[in-house]
Amino acid sequence: MSKNEEVKLDGILKALFSTSQQVLINFINRMFGTDYCYGDVAVTYGKTEFPLEDFNYDFIKADLILNFL
């Protein structure tokens, strides 16, 4: 897969994850073999930057952090 294709796929997945919680839960269930029920689970989005332990103003950055409650 080329870098351009990776960037497009990343954008598509981010759009899918932010469009509908029902779509997101169905996707997670299929990918990981889980059985979350849409009405029983709340999905929240967590912060995506975390400072490194050396306090050197460096951060670990993530595209997406999901919490299932």
N, C-alpha and C. Protein backbone atom coordinates (compact mmCIF):
# COMPACT_ATOMS: atom_id res chain seq x y z
N MET A 1 0.85 -1.17 0.00
CA MET A 1 0.00 0.00 0.00
C MET A 1 0.90 1.23 0.00
N SER A 2 0.61 2.17 -0.87
CA SER A 2 1.40 3.40 -0.95
C SER A 2 1.04 4.36 0.18
N LYS A 3 1.92 5.32 0.41
CA LYS A 3 1.68 6.31 1.47
C LYS A 3 0.39 7.08 1.20
N ASN A 4 0.13 7.43 -0.05
CA ASN A 4 -1.09 8.15 -0.43
C ASN A 4 -2.33 7.32 -0.10
N GLU A 5 -2.28 6.01 -0.37
CA GLU A 5 -3.40 5.14 -0.06
C GLU A 5 -3.61 5.01 1.44
N GLU A 6 -2.50 4.97 2.20
CA GLU A 6 -2.59 4.89 3.65
C GLU A 6 -3.26 6.14 4.22
N VAL A 7 -2.91 7.29 3.69
CA VAL A 7 -3.50 8.56 4.16
C VAL A 7 -4.99 8.58 3.85
N LYS A 8 -5.39 8.12 2.66
CA LYS A 8 -6.80 8.09 2.30
C LYS A 8 -7.57 7.12 3.20
N LEU A 9 -7.00 5.93 3.44
CA LEU A 9 -7.66 4.95 4.29
C LEU A 9 -7.80 5.49 5.71
N ASP A 10 -6.78 6.16 6.22
CA ASP A 10 -6.82 6.77 7.55
C ASP A 10 -7.96 7.78 7.63
N GLY A 11 -8.10 8.61 6.63
CA GLY A 11 -9.18 9.61 6.59
C GLY A 11 -10.55 8.97 6.52
N ILE A 12 -10.68 7.91 5.76
CA ILE A 12 -11.96 7.21 5.64
C ILE A 12 -12.35 6.60 6.98
N LEU A 13 -11.41 5.95 7.65
CA LEU A 13 -11.72 5.33 8.93
C LEU A 13 -12.06 6.38 9.99
N LYS A 14 -11.35 7.49 10.01
CA LYS A 14 -11.68 8.57 10.95
C LYS A 14 -13.09 9.09 10.70
N ALA A 15 -13.46 9.24 9.43
CA ALA A 15 -14.80 9.72 9.10
C ALA A 15 -15.86 8.71 9.54
N LEU A 16 -15.61 7.43 9.30
CA LEU A 16 -16.57 6.40 9.72
C LEU A 16 -16.73 6.39 11.24
N PHE A 17 -15.63 6.51 11.96
CA PHE A 17 -15.70 6.46 13.41
C PHE A 17 -16.41 7.66 14.00
N SER A 18 -16.38 8.78 13.32
CA SER A 18 -17.01 9.97 13.88
C SER A 18 -18.43 10.19 13.35
N THR A 19 -18.87 9.39 12.40
CA THR A 19 -20.19 9.56 11.80
C THR A 19 -21.32 9.07 12.68
N SER A 20 -21.18 7.85 13.16
CA SER A 20 -22.27 7.22 13.90
C SER A 20 -21.71 6.24 14.92
N GLN A 21 -22.21 6.32 16.16
CA GLN A 21 -21.76 5.37 17.17
C GLN A 21 -22.22 3.96 16.84
N GLN A 22 -23.35 3.83 16.20
CA GLN A 22 -23.83 2.50 15.82
C GLN A 22 -22.89 1.87 14.78
N VAL A 23 -22.45 2.64 13.81
CA VAL A 23 -21.49 2.15 12.82
C VAL A 23 -20.19 1.75 13.51
N LEU A 24 -19.72 2.59 14.42
CA LEU A 24 -18.49 2.32 15.14
C LEU A 24 -18.59 1.03 15.95
N ILE A 25 -19.67 0.87 16.69
CA ILE A 25 -19.84 -0.33 17.51
C ILE A 25 -19.93 -1.58 16.64
N ASN A 26 -20.65 -1.52 15.53
CA ASN A 26 -20.72 -2.66 14.61
C ASN A 26 -19.34 -2.99 14.05
N PHE A 27 -18.57 -1.98 13.70
CA PHE A 27 -17.21 -2.19 13.18
C PHE A 27 -16.33 -2.87 14.23
N ILE A 28 -16.36 -2.36 15.46
CA ILE A 28 -15.55 -2.93 16.55
C ILE A 28 -15.96 -4.38 16.81
N ASN A 29 -17.26 -4.64 16.82
CA ASN A 29 -17.74 -6.01 17.03
C ASN A 29 -17.20 -6.96 15.95
N ARG A 30 -17.23 -6.53 14.72
CA ARG A 30 -16.76 -7.39 13.62
C ARG A 30 -15.25 -7.58 13.64
N MET A 31 -14.53 -6.51 13.91
CA MET A 31 -13.06 -6.57 13.88
C MET A 31 -12.49 -7.38 15.04
N PHE A 32 -13.09 -7.28 16.21
CA PHE A 32 -12.51 -7.88 17.40
C PHE A 32 -13.33 -9.03 17.99
N GLY A 33 -14.40 -9.41 17.30
CA GLY A 33 -15.21 -10.53 17.77
C GLY A 33 -15.92 -10.25 19.09
N THR A 34 -16.23 -8.99 19.33
CA THR A 34 -16.94 -8.62 20.55
C THR A 34 -18.44 -8.59 20.28
N ASP A 35 -19.22 -8.36 21.33
CA ASP A 35 -20.67 -8.36 21.19
C ASP A 35 -21.28 -7.18 21.95
N TYR A 36 -20.76 -5.98 21.70
CA TYR A 36 -21.32 -4.79 22.33
C TYR A 36 -22.69 -4.50 21.73
N CYS A 37 -23.66 -4.16 22.56
CA CYS A 37 -24.99 -3.78 22.10
C CYS A 37 -25.08 -2.26 22.02
N TYR A 38 -25.60 -1.76 20.93
CA TYR A 38 -25.65 -0.32 20.70
C TYR A 38 -26.36 0.43 21.83
N GLY A 39 -27.45 -0.09 22.33
CA GLY A 39 -28.20 0.60 23.37
C GLY A 39 -27.56 0.52 24.75
N ASP A 40 -26.64 -0.41 24.94
CA ASP A 40 -26.04 -0.64 26.26
C ASP A 40 -24.66 0.00 26.41
N VAL A 41 -24.08 0.49 25.34
CA VAL A 41 -22.71 1.00 25.37
C VAL A 41 -22.68 2.47 24.97
N ALA A 42 -21.94 3.25 25.72
CA ALA A 42 -21.70 4.64 25.34
C ALA A 42 -20.23 4.77 24.93
N VAL A 43 -20.00 5.40 23.81
CA VAL A 43 -18.64 5.60 23.32
C VAL A 43 -18.27 7.06 23.51
N THR A 44 -17.14 7.28 24.17
CA THR A 44 -16.62 8.64 24.31
C THR A 44 -15.25 8.70 23.67
N TYR A 45 -14.87 9.88 23.27
CA TYR A 45 -13.59 10.09 22.61
C TYR A 45 -12.62 10.70 23.61
N GLY A 46 -11.47 10.07 23.79
CA GLY A 46 -10.47 10.53 24.75
C GLY A 46 -9.47 11.49 24.12
N LYS A 47 -8.64 12.07 24.99
CA LYS A 47 -7.60 12.98 24.48
C LYS A 47 -6.58 12.17 23.68
N THR A 48 -5.96 12.81 22.72
CA THR A 48 -5.07 12.11 21.80
C THR A 48 -3.60 12.50 21.94
N GLU A 49 -3.27 13.33 22.91
CA GLU A 49 -1.87 13.70 23.14
C GLU A 49 -1.52 13.45 24.59
N PHE A 50 -0.36 12.80 24.79
CA PHE A 50 0.10 12.48 26.12
C PHE A 50 1.57 12.89 26.25
N PRO A 51 1.92 13.63 27.31
CA PRO A 51 3.33 14.03 27.47
C PRO A 51 4.19 12.81 27.82
N LEU A 52 5.41 12.81 27.31
CA LEU A 52 6.35 11.75 27.65
C LEU A 52 6.87 11.96 29.06
N GLU A 53 7.36 10.91 29.66
CA GLU A 53 7.79 10.96 31.04
C GLU A 53 9.01 11.83 31.28
N ASP A 54 9.80 12.10 30.24
CA ASP A 54 11.03 12.88 30.45
C ASP A 54 10.77 14.39 30.53
N PHE A 55 9.52 14.80 30.37
CA PHE A 55 9.11 16.20 30.48
C PHE A 55 9.95 17.11 29.57
N ASN A 56 10.26 16.62 28.40
CA ASN A 56 11.08 17.35 27.46
C ASN A 56 10.20 18.02 26.40
N TYR A 57 8.95 18.28 26.74
CA TYR A 57 7.97 18.89 25.83
C TYR A 57 7.70 18.04 24.60
N ASP A 58 7.93 16.73 24.73
CA ASP A 58 7.58 15.79 23.68
C ASP A 58 6.28 15.12 24.03
N PHE A 59 5.52 14.76 23.00
CA PHE A 59 4.22 14.14 23.21
C PHE A 59 4.10 12.88 22.38
N ILE A 60 3.35 11.94 22.90
CA ILE A 60 2.89 10.81 22.12
C ILE A 60 1.55 11.23 21.55
N LYS A 61 1.37 11.08 20.24
CA LYS A 61 0.13 11.49 19.61
C LYS A 61 -0.56 10.28 18.99
N ALA A 62 -1.86 10.20 19.21
CA ALA A 62 -2.68 9.13 18.65
C ALA A 62 -3.72 9.76 17.73
N ASP A 63 -4.18 9.01 16.76
CA ASP A 63 -5.24 9.49 15.88
C ASP A 63 -6.59 9.50 16.58
N LEU A 64 -6.83 8.45 17.37
CA LEU A 64 -8.15 8.29 17.95
C LEU A 64 -8.05 7.44 19.21
N ILE A 65 -8.67 7.89 20.28
CA ILE A 65 -8.77 7.13 21.52
C ILE A 65 -10.27 6.97 21.82
N LEU A 66 -10.71 5.73 21.94
CA LEU A 66 -12.12 5.46 22.20
C LEU A 66 -12.27 4.82 23.57
N ASN A 67 -13.29 5.23 24.30
CA ASN A 67 -13.64 4.64 25.59
C ASN A 67 -15.04 4.05 25.46
N PHE A 68 -15.17 2.80 25.83
CA PHE A 68 -16.48 2.14 25.81
C PHE A 68 -16.96 2.03 27.24
N LEU A 69 -18.08 2.68 27.53
CA LEU A 69 -18.64 2.69 28.89
C LEU A 69 -19.94 1.92 28.95
